[in-house]
């Protein structure tokens, strides 16, 4: 059974000029391991909170991926040894959580009556 994951990849800042090749490499890692990419969002080059591999900046790219949990660990293993990737974070998407646009203040206001 496939699960939905959010995969945030921090790419080497020097690759900002030509992102097609490193993005294609990450996408190939995902698809070769049975993953389906639902969406890709390039956040651009951002300053890092601390230096990673002597870099102060990275190109952030968010992928929404559907993949089996066993294959998710294979994808993570391959991202660990990919030179273009400084860091990544792969988390299971919580489908039960409320949408980000919904505010709690509406619910809290009615309970005080």
N, C-alpha and C. Protein backbone atom coordinates (compact mmCIF):
# COMPACT_ATOMS: atom_id res chain seq x y z
N UNK A 1 0.84 -1.18 0.00
CA UNK A 1 0.00 0.00 0.00
C UNK A 1 0.89 1.25 0.00
N UNK A 2 0.58 2.17 -0.89
CA UNK A 2 1.36 3.39 -0.98
C UNK A 2 0.91 4.41 0.06
N UNK A 3 1.87 5.18 0.52
CA UNK A 3 1.58 6.29 1.44
C UNK A 3 2.06 7.57 0.79
N UNK A 4 1.49 8.68 1.24
CA UNK A 4 1.91 9.99 0.73
C UNK A 4 3.01 10.55 1.62
N UNK A 5 4.04 11.09 0.99
CA UNK A 5 5.17 11.69 1.70
C UNK A 5 5.44 13.07 1.14
N UNK A 6 5.96 13.93 2.00
CA UNK A 6 6.52 15.20 1.56
C UNK A 6 8.04 15.07 1.65
N UNK A 7 8.70 15.30 0.55
CA UNK A 7 10.15 15.18 0.48
C UNK A 7 10.72 16.56 0.15
N UNK A 8 11.44 17.13 1.11
CA UNK A 8 12.11 18.41 0.89
C UNK A 8 13.59 18.13 0.67
N UNK A 9 14.09 18.60 -0.46
CA UNK A 9 15.48 18.36 -0.84
C UNK A 9 16.22 19.69 -0.89
N UNK A 10 17.38 19.76 -0.26
CA UNK A 10 18.25 20.92 -0.32
C UNK A 10 19.38 20.60 -1.28
N UNK A 11 19.38 21.29 -2.42
CA UNK A 11 20.40 21.06 -3.44
C UNK A 11 21.54 22.05 -3.31
N UNK A 12 22.70 21.66 -3.79
CA UNK A 12 23.89 22.50 -3.76
C UNK A 12 23.59 23.83 -4.45
N UNK A 13 23.97 24.97 -3.86
CA UNK A 13 23.61 26.28 -4.42
C UNK A 13 24.21 26.55 -5.80
N UNK A 14 25.33 25.94 -6.13
CA UNK A 14 25.95 26.16 -7.44
C UNK A 14 25.11 25.58 -8.58
N UNK A 15 24.16 24.70 -8.24
CA UNK A 15 23.32 24.06 -9.25
C UNK A 15 22.11 24.92 -9.62
N UNK A 16 21.97 26.08 -8.99
CA UNK A 16 20.81 26.95 -9.24
C UNK A 16 20.73 27.37 -10.71
N UNK A 17 21.86 27.51 -11.37
CA UNK A 17 21.90 27.96 -12.76
C UNK A 17 21.21 26.95 -13.68
N UNK A 18 21.47 25.67 -13.47
CA UNK A 18 20.89 24.62 -14.31
C UNK A 18 20.30 23.54 -13.40
N UNK A 19 19.06 23.73 -12.97
CA UNK A 19 18.42 22.80 -12.03
C UNK A 19 17.85 21.56 -12.69
N UNK A 20 17.72 21.54 -14.02
CA UNK A 20 17.08 20.41 -14.68
C UNK A 20 17.77 19.08 -14.40
N UNK A 21 19.11 19.09 -14.48
CA UNK A 21 19.85 17.83 -14.29
C UNK A 21 19.73 17.28 -12.88
N UNK A 22 19.99 18.08 -11.82
CA UNK A 22 19.84 17.52 -10.47
C UNK A 22 18.40 17.15 -10.13
N UNK A 23 17.43 17.94 -10.61
CA UNK A 23 16.03 17.60 -10.36
C UNK A 23 15.65 16.32 -11.07
N UNK A 24 16.14 16.14 -12.30
CA UNK A 24 15.87 14.91 -13.04
C UNK A 24 16.49 13.71 -12.32
N UNK A 25 17.66 13.91 -11.72
CA UNK A 25 18.33 12.83 -10.99
C UNK A 25 17.50 12.42 -9.76
N UNK A 26 16.99 13.41 -9.00
CA UNK A 26 16.17 13.12 -7.82
C UNK A 26 14.86 12.46 -8.26
N UNK A 27 14.24 12.97 -9.32
CA UNK A 27 12.99 12.39 -9.82
C UNK A 27 13.20 10.96 -10.28
N UNK A 28 14.36 10.68 -10.90
CA UNK A 28 14.67 9.32 -11.36
C UNK A 28 14.83 8.39 -10.18
N UNK A 29 15.46 8.85 -9.10
CA UNK A 29 15.61 8.04 -7.89
C UNK A 29 14.22 7.67 -7.36
N UNK A 30 13.31 8.63 -7.36
CA UNK A 30 11.96 8.39 -6.84
C UNK A 30 11.21 7.40 -7.73
N UNK A 31 11.19 7.66 -9.03
CA UNK A 31 10.41 6.82 -9.94
C UNK A 31 11.01 5.42 -10.11
N UNK A 32 12.33 5.31 -10.07
CA UNK A 32 12.97 3.99 -10.18
C UNK A 32 12.65 3.09 -9.00
N UNK A 33 12.26 3.69 -7.88
CA UNK A 33 11.93 2.91 -6.69
C UNK A 33 10.41 2.84 -6.46
N UNK A 34 9.66 2.97 -7.54
CA UNK A 34 8.22 2.78 -7.47
C UNK A 34 7.42 3.97 -6.98
N UNK A 35 8.03 5.13 -6.89
CA UNK A 35 7.33 6.31 -6.41
C UNK A 35 6.66 7.07 -7.53
N UNK A 36 5.58 7.76 -7.17
CA UNK A 36 4.88 8.62 -8.12
C UNK A 36 4.92 10.05 -7.57
N UNK A 37 5.39 10.97 -8.38
CA UNK A 37 5.50 12.37 -7.96
C UNK A 37 4.18 13.07 -8.26
N UNK A 38 3.51 13.53 -7.20
CA UNK A 38 2.23 14.21 -7.35
C UNK A 38 2.43 15.69 -7.64
N UNK A 39 3.44 16.31 -7.03
CA UNK A 39 3.68 17.74 -7.22
C UNK A 39 5.14 18.06 -6.92
N UNK A 40 5.63 19.12 -7.56
CA UNK A 40 6.98 19.63 -7.31
C UNK A 40 6.88 21.13 -7.12
N UNK A 41 7.53 21.64 -6.08
CA UNK A 41 7.49 23.07 -5.81
C UNK A 41 8.92 23.55 -5.51
N UNK A 42 9.45 24.38 -6.41
CA UNK A 42 10.80 24.92 -6.25
C UNK A 42 10.71 26.21 -5.43
N UNK A 43 11.28 26.21 -4.24
CA UNK A 43 11.24 27.37 -3.35
C UNK A 43 12.39 28.33 -3.62
N UNK A 44 13.33 27.93 -4.44
CA UNK A 44 14.45 28.80 -4.78
C UNK A 44 15.61 28.70 -3.79
N UNK A 45 16.55 29.60 -3.96
CA UNK A 45 17.77 29.62 -3.15
C UNK A 45 17.50 30.38 -1.86
N UNK A 46 17.79 29.75 -0.73
CA UNK A 46 17.56 30.35 0.59
C UNK A 46 18.82 30.19 1.44
N UNK A 47 18.96 31.10 2.41
CA UNK A 47 20.06 31.02 3.36
C UNK A 47 19.77 29.91 4.37
N UNK A 48 20.79 29.14 4.69
CA UNK A 48 20.66 28.07 5.67
C UNK A 48 20.86 28.63 7.08
N UNK A 49 20.25 27.99 8.06
CA UNK A 49 20.41 28.41 9.45
C UNK A 49 21.85 28.17 9.92
N UNK A 50 22.49 27.16 9.37
CA UNK A 50 23.89 26.86 9.68
C UNK A 50 24.53 26.25 8.44
N UNK A 51 25.83 26.32 8.35
CA UNK A 51 26.53 25.81 7.17
C UNK A 51 26.44 24.29 7.09
N UNK A 52 26.16 23.81 5.89
CA UNK A 52 26.12 22.37 5.61
C UNK A 52 27.13 22.12 4.50
N UNK A 53 28.09 21.28 4.76
CA UNK A 53 29.15 20.98 3.79
C UNK A 53 29.79 22.26 3.26
N UNK A 54 30.06 23.19 4.18
CA UNK A 54 30.70 24.47 3.91
C UNK A 54 29.87 25.39 2.99
N UNK A 55 28.56 25.17 2.95
CA UNK A 55 27.67 26.00 2.14
C UNK A 55 26.73 26.78 3.06
N UNK A 56 26.52 28.06 2.76
CA UNK A 56 25.61 28.90 3.54
C UNK A 56 24.22 29.02 2.90
N UNK A 57 24.11 28.60 1.63
CA UNK A 57 22.85 28.66 0.90
C UNK A 57 22.54 27.30 0.31
N UNK A 58 21.26 27.09 -0.04
CA UNK A 58 20.85 25.87 -0.73
C UNK A 58 19.60 26.18 -1.53
N UNK A 59 19.35 25.37 -2.54
CA UNK A 59 18.13 25.47 -3.33
C UNK A 59 17.14 24.46 -2.76
N UNK A 60 16.01 24.97 -2.27
CA UNK A 60 14.99 24.13 -1.65
C UNK A 60 13.97 23.68 -2.70
N UNK A 61 13.69 22.38 -2.74
CA UNK A 61 12.66 21.84 -3.64
C UNK A 61 11.81 20.86 -2.85
N UNK A 62 10.48 21.05 -2.94
CA UNK A 62 9.53 20.19 -2.24
C UNK A 62 8.86 19.26 -3.25
N UNK A 63 8.86 17.97 -2.94
CA UNK A 63 8.17 16.97 -3.75
C UNK A 63 7.06 16.36 -2.92
N UNK A 64 5.90 16.13 -3.53
CA UNK A 64 4.86 15.32 -2.90
C UNK A 64 4.91 13.99 -3.63
N UNK A 65 5.16 12.91 -2.86
CA UNK A 65 5.45 11.61 -3.44
C UNK A 65 4.52 10.56 -2.85
N UNK A 66 4.03 9.66 -3.71
CA UNK A 66 3.29 8.48 -3.27
C UNK A 66 4.18 7.27 -3.51
N UNK A 67 4.50 6.56 -2.43
CA UNK A 67 5.42 5.42 -2.54
C UNK A 67 5.15 4.45 -1.39
N UNK A 68 5.50 3.19 -1.61
CA UNK A 68 5.38 2.19 -0.55
C UNK A 68 6.43 2.47 0.52
N UNK A 69 6.10 2.25 1.81
CA UNK A 69 7.05 2.54 2.89
C UNK A 69 8.40 1.84 2.74
N UNK A 70 8.41 0.62 2.24
CA UNK A 70 9.68 -0.09 2.05
C UNK A 70 10.56 0.62 1.03
N UNK A 71 9.94 1.14 -0.01
CA UNK A 71 10.70 1.84 -1.05
C UNK A 71 11.11 3.24 -0.59
N UNK A 72 10.37 3.81 0.36
CA UNK A 72 10.74 5.13 0.89
C UNK A 72 12.13 5.07 1.53
N UNK A 73 12.41 4.00 2.23
CA UNK A 73 13.74 3.89 2.86
C UNK A 73 14.83 3.71 1.81
N UNK A 74 14.51 3.05 0.69
CA UNK A 74 15.49 2.93 -0.40
C UNK A 74 15.79 4.29 -1.01
N UNK A 75 14.74 5.10 -1.20
CA UNK A 75 14.91 6.44 -1.75
C UNK A 75 15.79 7.28 -0.82
N UNK A 76 15.55 7.19 0.48
CA UNK A 76 16.34 7.95 1.44
C UNK A 76 17.80 7.51 1.41
N UNK A 77 18.04 6.22 1.28
CA UNK A 77 19.41 5.72 1.20
C UNK A 77 20.15 6.25 -0.02
N UNK A 78 19.45 6.32 -1.15
CA UNK A 78 20.07 6.83 -2.36
C UNK A 78 20.30 8.34 -2.29
N UNK A 79 19.39 9.07 -1.64
CA UNK A 79 19.58 10.52 -1.49
C UNK A 79 20.78 10.82 -0.60
N UNK A 80 21.06 9.93 0.36
CA UNK A 80 22.21 10.11 1.25
C UNK A 80 23.53 10.12 0.49
N UNK A 81 23.60 9.38 -0.60
CA UNK A 81 24.87 9.26 -1.34
C UNK A 81 24.87 10.06 -2.63
N UNK A 82 23.86 10.92 -2.83
CA UNK A 82 23.79 11.75 -4.03
C UNK A 82 24.54 13.06 -3.75
N UNK A 83 25.56 13.34 -4.57
CA UNK A 83 26.42 14.50 -4.35
C UNK A 83 25.68 15.83 -4.41
N UNK A 84 24.68 15.94 -5.29
CA UNK A 84 23.97 17.22 -5.47
C UNK A 84 23.10 17.58 -4.27
N UNK A 85 22.74 16.59 -3.47
CA UNK A 85 21.83 16.80 -2.34
C UNK A 85 22.63 17.08 -1.08
N UNK A 86 22.43 18.29 -0.50
CA UNK A 86 23.09 18.63 0.76
C UNK A 86 22.36 17.96 1.93
N UNK A 87 21.03 18.08 1.94
CA UNK A 87 20.18 17.49 2.98
C UNK A 87 18.83 17.18 2.37
N UNK A 88 18.08 16.32 3.05
CA UNK A 88 16.70 16.06 2.64
C UNK A 88 15.91 15.72 3.90
N UNK A 89 14.61 15.88 3.78
CA UNK A 89 13.71 15.49 4.87
C UNK A 89 12.49 14.85 4.23
N UNK A 90 12.22 13.61 4.59
CA UNK A 90 11.07 12.89 4.05
C UNK A 90 10.15 12.54 5.20
N UNK A 91 8.94 13.10 5.18
CA UNK A 91 7.97 12.84 6.24
C UNK A 91 6.66 12.36 5.63
N UNK A 92 6.00 11.49 6.38
CA UNK A 92 4.70 11.00 5.93
C UNK A 92 3.68 12.12 6.07
N UNK A 93 2.89 12.31 5.03
CA UNK A 93 1.90 13.37 5.03
C UNK A 93 0.70 12.92 5.87
N UNK A 94 0.29 13.78 6.82
CA UNK A 94 -0.84 13.46 7.69
C UNK A 94 -2.12 13.91 7.01
N UNK A 95 -2.89 12.94 6.52
CA UNK A 95 -4.11 13.26 5.79
C UNK A 95 -5.26 13.64 6.73
N UNK A 96 -5.12 13.35 8.02
CA UNK A 96 -6.17 13.66 8.99
C UNK A 96 -6.05 15.07 9.55
N UNK A 97 -4.91 15.69 9.38
CA UNK A 97 -4.68 17.02 9.92
C UNK A 97 -5.52 18.04 9.15
N UNK A 98 -5.99 19.09 9.82
CA UNK A 98 -6.77 20.11 9.11
C UNK A 98 -5.89 20.87 8.13
N UNK A 99 -6.52 21.42 7.12
CA UNK A 99 -5.77 22.18 6.12
C UNK A 99 -5.14 23.40 6.77
N UNK A 100 -4.03 23.86 6.23
CA UNK A 100 -3.28 24.97 6.83
C UNK A 100 -4.11 26.26 6.87
N UNK A 101 -5.04 26.42 5.95
CA UNK A 101 -5.85 27.63 5.88
C UNK A 101 -6.91 27.72 6.96
N UNK A 102 -7.27 26.59 7.54
CA UNK A 102 -8.30 26.61 8.57
C UNK A 102 -7.72 27.14 9.87
N UNK A 103 -8.46 28.03 10.53
CA UNK A 103 -7.95 28.60 11.78
C UNK A 103 -8.67 28.00 12.97
N UNK A 104 -7.95 27.89 14.08
CA UNK A 104 -8.52 27.35 15.31
C UNK A 104 -9.34 28.40 16.04
N UNK A 105 -9.11 29.67 15.73
CA UNK A 105 -9.78 30.73 16.49
C UNK A 105 -11.29 30.67 16.36
N UNK A 106 -11.79 30.18 15.25
CA UNK A 106 -13.25 30.04 15.08
C UNK A 106 -13.79 29.04 16.10
N UNK A 107 -13.10 27.93 16.27
CA UNK A 107 -13.55 26.90 17.21
C UNK A 107 -13.41 27.36 18.65
N UNK A 108 -12.31 28.06 18.95
CA UNK A 108 -12.06 28.51 20.32
C UNK A 108 -13.08 29.57 20.75
N UNK A 109 -13.49 30.43 19.85
CA UNK A 109 -14.42 31.50 20.18
C UNK A 109 -15.80 30.97 20.58
N UNK A 110 -16.24 29.88 19.97
CA UNK A 110 -17.57 29.36 20.27
C UNK A 110 -17.61 28.59 21.58
N UNK A 111 -16.48 28.10 22.06
CA UNK A 111 -16.47 27.30 23.29
C UNK A 111 -16.51 28.15 24.55
N UNK A 112 -16.26 29.46 24.44
CA UNK A 112 -16.25 30.32 25.62
C UNK A 112 -17.62 30.82 26.02
N UNK A 113 -18.66 30.52 25.30
CA UNK A 113 -20.00 31.02 25.58
C UNK A 113 -20.60 30.37 26.80
